[in-house]
Protein backbone atom coordinates (compact mmCIF):
# COMPACT_ATOMS: atom_id res chain seq x y z
CA UNK A 1 31.36 -11.00 14.30
CA UNK A 2 30.54 -13.66 11.66
CA UNK A 3 34.12 -14.98 11.72
CA UNK A 4 33.91 -15.38 15.50
CA UNK A 5 30.56 -17.15 15.12
CA UNK A 6 32.16 -19.64 12.73
CA UNK A 7 35.31 -20.06 14.81
CA UNK A 8 33.18 -20.61 17.89
CA UNK A 9 31.46 -23.68 16.50
CA UNK A 10 34.56 -25.01 14.72
CA UNK A 11 36.93 -24.69 17.68
CA UNK A 12 34.47 -25.67 20.39
CA UNK A 13 33.18 -28.57 18.34
CA UNK A 14 36.45 -30.39 18.08
CA UNK A 15 39.83 -29.78 19.53
CA UNK A 16 38.82 -29.54 23.18
CA UNK A 17 36.68 -32.68 23.04
CA UNK A 18 38.48 -34.93 20.57
CA UNK A 19 42.22 -34.21 20.61
CA UNK A 20 42.64 -37.25 22.87
CA UNK A 21 40.62 -39.52 20.55
CA UNK A 22 42.67 -38.43 17.52
CA UNK A 23 45.99 -38.86 19.32
CA UNK A 24 44.92 -42.27 20.59
CA UNK A 25 44.16 -43.49 17.04
CA UNK A 26 47.00 -41.85 15.08
CA UNK A 27 49.75 -41.54 17.70
CA UNK A 28 52.49 -39.15 16.61
CA UNK A 29 50.73 -38.77 13.27
CA UNK A 30 47.81 -36.88 14.86
CA UNK A 31 48.95 -33.57 13.28
CA UNK A 32 48.87 -35.26 9.86
CA UNK A 33 45.37 -36.54 10.57
CA UNK A 34 44.25 -32.97 11.23
CA UNK A 35 45.88 -31.77 8.00
CA UNK A 36 44.04 -34.44 5.97
CA UNK A 37 40.74 -33.51 7.62
CA UNK A 38 41.47 -29.82 7.01
CA UNK A 39 42.02 -30.38 3.28
CA UNK A 40 38.69 -32.19 2.96
CA UNK A 41 36.91 -29.40 4.82
CA UNK A 42 38.73 -26.53 3.08
CA UNK A 43 37.82 -27.54 -0.46
CA UNK A 44 34.14 -27.83 0.35
CA UNK A 45 34.48 -24.63 2.39
CA UNK A 46 35.26 -22.81 -0.86
CA UNK A 47 32.14 -24.33 -2.43
CA UNK A 48 30.09 -23.08 0.50
CA UNK A 49 31.70 -19.65 0.13
CA UNK A 50 30.56 -19.37 -3.50
CA UNK A 51 27.08 -20.73 -2.84
CA UNK A 52 26.53 -18.42 0.12
CA UNK A 53 27.53 -15.51 -2.10
CA UNK A 54 25.13 -16.60 -4.85
CA UNK A 55 22.19 -17.39 -2.52
CA UNK A 56 22.50 -15.62 0.88
CA UNK A 57 19.51 -17.26 2.58
CA UNK A 58 18.77 -19.27 5.73
CA UNK A 59 18.37 -23.05 5.19
CA UNK A 60 21.44 -22.65 2.97
CA UNK A 61 22.06 -26.30 2.07
CA UNK A 62 18.44 -26.97 1.16
CA UNK A 63 18.36 -23.84 -1.02
CA UNK A 64 21.67 -24.72 -2.70
CA UNK A 65 20.58 -28.26 -3.55
CA UNK A 66 17.24 -26.99 -4.85
CA UNK A 67 19.04 -24.48 -7.10
CA UNK A 68 21.43 -27.16 -8.35
CA UNK A 69 19.28 -30.28 -8.55
CA UNK A 70 15.78 -28.81 -8.85
CA UNK A 71 14.09 -31.58 -6.86
CA UNK A 72 12.30 -30.43 -3.66
CA UNK A 73 12.27 -33.86 -1.93
CA UNK A 74 16.07 -34.06 -2.23
CA UNK A 75 16.42 -30.46 -1.03
CA UNK A 76 14.26 -31.23 1.98
CA UNK A 77 16.26 -34.38 2.73
CA UNK A 78 19.55 -32.47 2.64
CA UNK A 79 18.12 -29.73 4.87
CA UNK A 80 16.96 -32.33 7.36
CA UNK A 81 20.32 -34.10 7.20
CA UNK A 82 22.26 -30.91 8.02
CA UNK A 83 19.85 -30.21 10.88
CA UNK A 84 20.32 -33.81 12.07
CA UNK A 85 24.10 -33.38 11.95
CA UNK A 86 23.85 -30.21 14.04
CA UNK A 87 21.62 -31.95 16.57
CA UNK A 88 23.98 -34.91 16.92
CA UNK A 89 26.95 -32.53 17.07
CA UNK A 90 25.35 -30.65 19.97
CA UNK A 91 24.73 -34.01 21.66
CA UNK A 92 28.40 -34.88 21.13
CA UNK A 93 29.56 -31.67 22.77
CA UNK A 94 27.15 -32.07 25.67
CA UNK A 95 28.90 -35.37 26.37
CA UNK A 96 32.30 -33.70 26.06
CA UNK A 97 31.18 -31.06 28.57
CA UNK A 98 30.60 -33.73 31.21
CA UNK A 99 34.27 -34.76 31.37
CA UNK A 100 35.53 -31.22 31.85
CA UNK A 101 32.85 -30.30 34.40
CA UNK A 102 33.70 -33.37 36.47
CA UNK A 103 37.38 -32.38 36.18
CA UNK A 104 36.60 -28.90 37.54
CA UNK A 105 34.50 -30.29 40.39
CA UNK A 106 37.23 -32.77 41.28
CA UNK A 107 39.63 -29.84 41.59
CA UNK A 108 37.16 -27.82 43.66
CA UNK A 109 36.18 -30.62 46.01
CA UNK A 110 37.59 -34.15 45.58
CA UNK A 111 37.47 -36.94 42.97
CA UNK A 112 35.62 -39.19 45.44
CA UNK A 113 32.87 -36.62 45.97
CA UNK A 114 32.44 -36.26 42.21
CA UNK A 115 31.79 -39.98 41.93
CA UNK A 116 29.16 -39.84 44.67
CA UNK A 117 27.36 -36.53 43.92
CA UNK A 118 24.03 -37.18 42.21
CA UNK A 119 24.02 -33.75 40.53
CA UNK A 120 27.30 -34.59 38.78
CA UNK A 121 25.78 -37.64 37.16
CA UNK A 122 26.30 -37.64 33.37
CA UNK A 123 22.60 -37.77 32.50
CA UNK A 124 21.69 -34.96 34.89
CA UNK A 125 24.49 -32.68 33.62
CA UNK A 126 23.56 -33.24 29.98
CA UNK A 127 19.87 -32.56 30.60
CA UNK A 128 20.48 -29.30 32.47
CA UNK A 129 23.06 -28.04 29.98
CA UNK A 130 20.88 -28.69 26.93
CA UNK A 131 17.83 -27.05 28.53
CA UNK A 132 19.86 -23.94 29.44
CA UNK A 133 21.38 -23.68 25.96
CA UNK A 134 17.98 -24.10 24.35
CA UNK A 135 16.59 -21.29 26.50
CA UNK A 136 19.44 -18.99 25.41
CA UNK A 137 18.86 -19.90 21.76
CA UNK A 138 15.18 -18.99 22.16
CA UNK A 139 16.02 -15.69 23.81
CA UNK A 140 17.46 -14.12 20.66
CA UNK A 141 19.94 -14.58 17.82
CA UNK A 142 21.79 -11.35 18.62
CA UNK A 143 22.28 -12.29 22.27
CA UNK A 144 23.26 -15.85 21.32
CA UNK A 145 25.80 -14.78 18.70
CA UNK A 146 27.25 -12.15 21.05
CA UNK A 147 27.67 -14.75 23.79
CA UNK A 148 29.22 -17.18 21.28
CA UNK A 149 31.64 -14.51 20.04
CA UNK A 150 32.83 -13.70 23.56
CA UNK A 151 33.31 -17.38 24.35
CA UNK A 152 35.25 -17.79 21.09
CA UNK A 153 37.86 -15.33 22.31
CA UNK A 154 38.21 -17.44 25.44
CA UNK A 155 38.56 -20.62 23.32
CA UNK A 156 41.34 -19.16 21.20
CA UNK A 157 43.12 -17.98 24.32
CA UNK A 158 42.93 -21.51 25.73
CA UNK A 159 44.52 -23.05 22.64
CA UNK A 160 47.29 -20.45 22.65
CA UNK A 161 47.81 -21.14 26.37
CA UNK A 162 48.33 -24.87 25.71
CA UNK A 163 50.82 -24.11 22.96
CA UNK A 164 52.60 -21.56 25.14
CA UNK A 165 53.04 -23.64 28.29
CA UNK A 166 54.29 -26.57 26.21
CA UNK A 167 56.80 -24.43 24.32
CA UNK A 168 59.72 -26.58 25.47
CA UNK A 169 58.11 -29.70 24.01
CA UNK A 170 57.34 -27.87 20.77
CA UNK A 171 60.98 -26.81 20.53
CA UNK A 172 62.01 -30.49 20.53
CA UNK A 173 60.50 -30.82 17.05
CA UNK A 174 63.86 -29.72 15.67
CA UNK A 175 65.42 -33.05 16.70
CA UNK A 176 62.26 -35.24 16.57
CA UNK A 177 60.77 -34.22 13.22
CA UNK A 178 61.63 -37.57 11.58
CA UNK A 179 59.25 -39.33 13.99
CA UNK A 180 56.35 -37.52 12.30
CA UNK A 181 56.97 -38.99 8.85
CA UNK A 182 54.56 -41.96 8.51
CA UNK A 183 55.93 -45.28 7.21
CA UNK A 184 54.51 -46.75 3.99
CA UNK A 185 52.87 -49.66 5.86
CA UNK A 186 49.11 -49.97 5.41
CA UNK A 187 48.51 -50.40 9.14
CA UNK A 188 49.99 -46.98 9.94
CA UNK A 189 47.90 -45.25 7.28
CA UNK A 190 44.79 -47.07 8.43
CA UNK A 191 45.22 -45.53 11.87
CA UNK A 192 45.85 -42.11 10.34
CA UNK A 193 42.71 -42.25 8.21
CA UNK A 194 40.58 -43.44 11.12
CA UNK A 195 41.94 -40.53 13.15
CA UNK A 196 41.39 -38.12 10.24
CA UNK A 197 37.72 -39.12 10.16
CA UNK A 198 37.45 -38.30 13.87
CA UNK A 199 39.46 -35.08 13.38
CA UNK A 200 37.08 -34.06 10.60
CA UNK A 201 34.44 -33.50 13.28
CA UNK A 202 36.67 -30.72 14.61
CA UNK A 203 36.26 -28.76 11.36
CA UNK A 204 32.49 -28.98 11.22
CA UNK A 205 31.04 -25.54 11.74
CA UNK A 206 31.75 -23.35 8.74
CA UNK A 207 28.63 -24.72 7.07
CA UNK A 208 26.62 -23.39 10.02
CA UNK A 209 27.61 -19.87 9.03
CA UNK A 210 25.44 -19.88 5.89
CA UNK A 211 22.33 -20.41 7.98
CA UNK A 212 22.60 -16.95 9.52
CA UNK A 213 23.05 -15.34 6.08
CA UNK A 214 19.98 -13.15 6.54
CA UNK A 215 21.53 -11.61 9.69
CA UNK A 216 24.88 -10.77 7.99
CA UNK A 217 25.50 -7.34 6.50
CA UNK A 218 26.54 -7.42 2.81
CA UNK A 219 26.42 -11.26 2.81
CA UNK A 220 27.55 -11.65 -0.83
CA UNK A 221 30.91 -10.19 0.14
CA UNK A 222 31.29 -10.77 3.88
CA UNK A 223 29.99 -14.32 4.26
CA UNK A 224 32.44 -16.02 1.81
CA UNK A 225 35.33 -14.08 3.36
CA UNK A 226 34.26 -15.10 6.86
CA UNK A 227 34.04 -18.79 5.88
CA UNK A 228 37.53 -18.78 4.37
CA UNK A 229 39.07 -16.97 7.35
CA UNK A 230 37.39 -19.31 9.85
CA UNK A 231 38.71 -22.44 8.08
CA UNK A 232 42.27 -21.07 7.74
CA UNK A 233 42.53 -19.87 11.35
CA UNK A 234 41.11 -23.10 12.79
CA UNK A 235 43.46 -25.23 10.66
CA UNK A 236 46.56 -23.40 11.87
CA UNK A 237 45.46 -23.61 15.51
CA UNK A 238 44.54 -27.31 15.27
CA UNK A 239 47.83 -28.29 13.68
CA UNK A 240 49.87 -26.46 16.31
CA UNK A 241 47.85 -27.87 19.21
CA UNK A 242 47.99 -31.44 17.85
CA UNK A 243 51.74 -31.14 17.28
CA UNK A 244 52.26 -29.74 20.77
CA UNK A 245 50.07 -32.42 22.34
CA UNK A 246 51.89 -35.46 20.91
CA UNK A 247 55.30 -33.92 21.54
CA UNK A 248 54.46 -33.17 25.17
CA UNK A 249 52.56 -36.29 26.21
CA UNK A 250 52.33 -39.97 25.18
CA UNK A 251 49.48 -40.13 22.62
CA UNK A 252 48.09 -43.38 24.01
CA UNK A 253 47.60 -41.76 27.42
CA UNK A 254 45.87 -38.73 25.91
CA UNK A 255 43.50 -41.14 24.17
CA UNK A 256 42.20 -42.42 27.50
CA UNK A 257 41.69 -39.03 29.17
CA UNK A 258 38.19 -37.47 29.41
CA UNK A 259 39.86 -34.03 29.73
CA UNK A 260 43.00 -34.10 27.54
CA UNK A 261 43.63 -30.34 27.61
CA UNK A 262 43.74 -30.43 31.40
CA UNK A 263 46.34 -33.21 31.24
CA UNK A 264 48.54 -31.20 28.87
CA UNK A 265 48.34 -28.10 31.06
CA UNK A 266 49.00 -29.91 34.34
CA UNK A 267 52.03 -31.79 33.01
CA UNK A 268 53.61 -28.68 31.50
CA UNK A 269 53.09 -26.37 34.47
CA UNK A 270 53.02 -28.70 37.44
CA UNK A 271 49.93 -26.84 38.64
CA UNK A 272 46.30 -27.86 38.98
CA UNK A 273 44.57 -27.30 35.61
CA UNK A 274 41.99 -24.81 36.89
CA UNK A 275 42.32 -22.30 34.12
CA UNK A 276 42.33 -24.63 31.11
CA UNK A 277 39.48 -26.71 32.56
CA UNK A 278 37.27 -23.63 32.83
CA UNK A 279 38.25 -22.52 29.33
CA UNK A 280 37.46 -25.99 27.99
CA UNK A 281 34.01 -25.81 29.58
CA UNK A 282 33.33 -22.54 27.74
CA UNK A 283 34.70 -23.92 24.47
CA UNK A 284 32.64 -27.09 24.43
CA UNK A 285 29.43 -25.41 25.53
CA UNK A 286 29.91 -22.65 22.95
CA UNK A 287 30.03 -25.18 20.12
CA UNK A 288 26.89 -26.89 21.39
CA UNK A 289 25.02 -23.57 21.56
CA UNK A 290 25.87 -22.66 17.97
CA UNK A 291 24.95 -26.12 16.68
CA UNK A 292 21.52 -25.84 18.31
CA UNK A 293 20.99 -22.36 16.85
CA UNK A 294 21.98 -23.66 13.42
CA UNK A 295 19.70 -26.70 13.56
CA UNK A 296 16.69 -24.62 14.58
CA UNK A 297 17.44 -22.09 11.83
CA UNK A 298 17.64 -24.86 9.22
CA UNK A 299 14.28 -26.31 10.26
CA UNK A 300 12.81 -22.80 10.26
CA UNK A 301 14.25 -22.01 6.82
CA UNK A 302 13.12 -25.30 5.25
CA UNK A 303 9.66 -24.72 6.71
CA UNK A 304 9.56 -21.24 5.17
CA UNK A 305 10.29 -22.82 1.80
CA UNK A 306 7.11 -24.87 2.25
CA UNK A 307 8.97 -28.19 2.51
CA UNK A 308 8.18 -28.84 6.20
CA UNK A 309 5.07 -28.14 8.35
CA UNK A 310 4.38 -24.42 8.72
CA UNK A 311 4.40 -24.67 12.52
CA UNK A 312 8.21 -24.91 12.44
CA UNK A 313 8.44 -21.43 10.92
CA UNK A 314 6.56 -19.80 13.78
CA UNK A 315 8.58 -17.13 15.57
CA UNK A 316 8.26 -15.45 18.94
CA UNK A 317 6.29 -12.19 18.56
CA UNK A 318 8.89 -10.18 20.49
CA UNK A 319 12.20 -12.05 20.31
CA UNK A 320 11.68 -13.08 16.64
CA UNK A 321 13.30 -16.48 17.24
CA UNK A 322 11.94 -19.79 15.83
CA UNK A 323 10.59 -21.08 19.13
CA UNK A 324 8.85 -24.21 17.86
CA UNK A 325 11.88 -25.31 15.80
CA UNK A 326 14.18 -24.63 18.76
CA UNK A 327 11.96 -26.61 21.14
CA UNK A 328 12.05 -29.56 18.74
CA UNK A 329 15.84 -29.30 18.53
CA UNK A 330 16.12 -29.38 22.34
CA UNK A 331 14.10 -32.60 22.53
CA UNK A 332 16.09 -34.27 19.75
CA UNK A 333 19.47 -33.30 21.23
CA UNK A 334 18.41 -34.87 24.52
CA UNK A 335 17.24 -38.00 22.70
CA UNK A 336 20.71 -38.52 21.18
CA UNK A 337 22.93 -37.19 23.97
CA UNK A 338 21.58 -39.27 26.82
CA UNK A 339 21.96 -42.84 25.46
CA UNK A 340 25.02 -42.46 23.18
CA UNK A 341 28.73 -41.83 23.81
CA UNK A 342 31.18 -39.23 22.53
CA UNK A 343 32.93 -41.25 19.80
CA UNK A 344 29.72 -42.72 18.35
CA UNK A 345 28.08 -39.30 18.18
CA UNK A 346 31.16 -37.68 16.61
CA UNK A 347 31.41 -40.36 13.90
CA UNK A 348 27.68 -40.08 13.16
CA UNK A 349 27.98 -36.32 12.77
CA UNK A 350 31.01 -36.56 10.48
CA UNK A 351 29.37 -39.16 8.27
CA UNK A 352 26.18 -37.09 7.93
CA UNK A 353 28.10 -33.92 7.07
CA UNK A 354 30.18 -35.69 4.42
CA UNK A 355 27.00 -36.89 2.70
CA UNK A 356 25.77 -33.29 2.70
CA UNK A 357 29.11 -32.15 1.24
CA UNK A 358 28.70 -34.58 -1.65
CA UNK A 359 25.34 -33.04 -2.60
CA UNK A 360 26.56 -29.48 -2.04
CA UNK A 361 29.53 -29.91 -4.38
CA UNK A 362 27.43 -31.74 -6.97
CA UNK A 363 24.86 -28.91 -6.87
CA UNK A 364 27.53 -26.25 -7.35
CA UNK A 365 28.95 -28.13 -10.34
CA UNK A 366 25.52 -28.10 -12.00
CA UNK A 367 24.95 -24.44 -11.12
CA UNK A 368 28.33 -23.36 -12.50
CA UNK A 369 27.72 -25.18 -15.77
CA UNK A 370 24.34 -23.50 -16.11
CA UNK A 371 25.34 -20.07 -14.80
CA UNK A 372 29.14 -19.61 -15.01
CA UNK A 373 28.78 -15.89 -14.20
CA UNK A 374 27.05 -14.75 -11.02
CA UNK A 375 27.10 -10.96 -10.99
CA UNK A 376 28.55 -9.67 -7.72
CA UNK A 377 28.88 -13.15 -6.21
CA UNK A 378 32.32 -14.59 -5.45
CA UNK A 379 33.09 -17.34 -7.99
CA UNK A 380 35.77 -20.06 -7.80
CA UNK A 381 37.09 -22.38 -10.57
CA UNK A 382 35.10 -25.50 -11.48
CA UNK A 383 37.83 -27.76 -10.11
CA UNK A 384 36.95 -26.61 -6.56
CA UNK A 385 33.54 -28.37 -6.32
CA UNK A 386 34.85 -31.31 -8.39
CA UNK A 387 37.69 -31.87 -5.92
CA UNK A 388 35.29 -31.34 -3.02
CA UNK A 389 32.93 -33.96 -4.43
CA UNK A 390 35.69 -36.52 -4.99
CA UNK A 391 37.42 -35.99 -1.64
CA UNK A 392 34.17 -36.20 0.34
CA UNK A 393 33.07 -39.34 -1.52
CA UNK A 394 36.45 -41.02 -1.00
CA UNK A 395 36.37 -40.20 2.71
CA UNK A 396 32.89 -41.75 3.01
CA UNK A 397 34.03 -44.91 1.18
CA UNK A 398 37.14 -45.22 3.38
CA UNK A 399 35.00 -44.95 6.51
CA UNK A 400 32.53 -47.56 5.22
CA UNK A 401 35.37 -49.96 4.42
CA UNK A 402 36.79 -49.37 7.89
CA UNK A 403 33.46 -50.25 9.47
CA UNK A 404 33.05 -53.36 7.33
CA UNK A 405 36.53 -54.65 8.16
CA UNK A 406 36.40 -53.76 11.87
């Protein structure tokens, strides 16, 4: 169940919403951009796996930084930053949901009616979706995780469907593989790195898993294993989908589509993309739900540590969910989702998460030097957090340089 929870937020948070953006920036090198992003995420994923095994508590990042750095203000700041990233991520996905919903309604009725219908307006859709997701998150963690797990199965089926119907295009890799080797020119690699930064958003999610540590059975063993499995499975699926996408359709056209999966399905089958559009709706909304649950749990956990107002740790007397923290998350998601667009929100989320990764890896380095043995906890070599620290920092610097030279 924990693996499906992690896969739900990883898969829904990226590939369905941003495959077009990545293909538009990197062209045929989109699969490489996903591989680069996967390597950055995977190394820090191992750091998270060890830390979650050492300290299986909610508000994971804040607890980890406190254990490593020993400075409560920094721990609080990191906890708030991870909650902020989850909030902006949910806002990103709410925007991604709009494109697929309008695609479905255009198929049901007509594109002209979609343009004229007031209840298909972007702002109205986002508001309704976020309020409904927030209500589900308040209802109960068990019900929310069960719903997320079921939707995750649908998401995986959708990705496999895209790969399957584009099998002929994928088979052409045998004669086209040289096109996927990037030239040494700086301009080509600039596009790849820009795309990798966008693709990195698609891997955000495994860090959410540590914030339900107190609901996981035998967390010292099961949580690290679930994190590793979620990262590996999502990487394989992303690479295959990205490869299939750029082989089957011109990347520049995918980059301009609000519903890229629907485009890939329609071109391959010659049929209206009913099925994949519905699956995409489930995938995107699933990621948003899990991000909202995570953000509320972080605020609740940090409050329980005494680092935020006690009101945020209040729980419903029957449902046992952090109602005040969840209500605050709903308001903040609306505040970001309504005025900002998909790409801006995705980049903001990625940047925030990378900053968190820097502190997480630095904390684990300090912890491992102080306590190299950890009893029953799963322990990885010291080079894992060192490489995670360096790779995250380099990615942040590359993005800053890109912004400054844009």
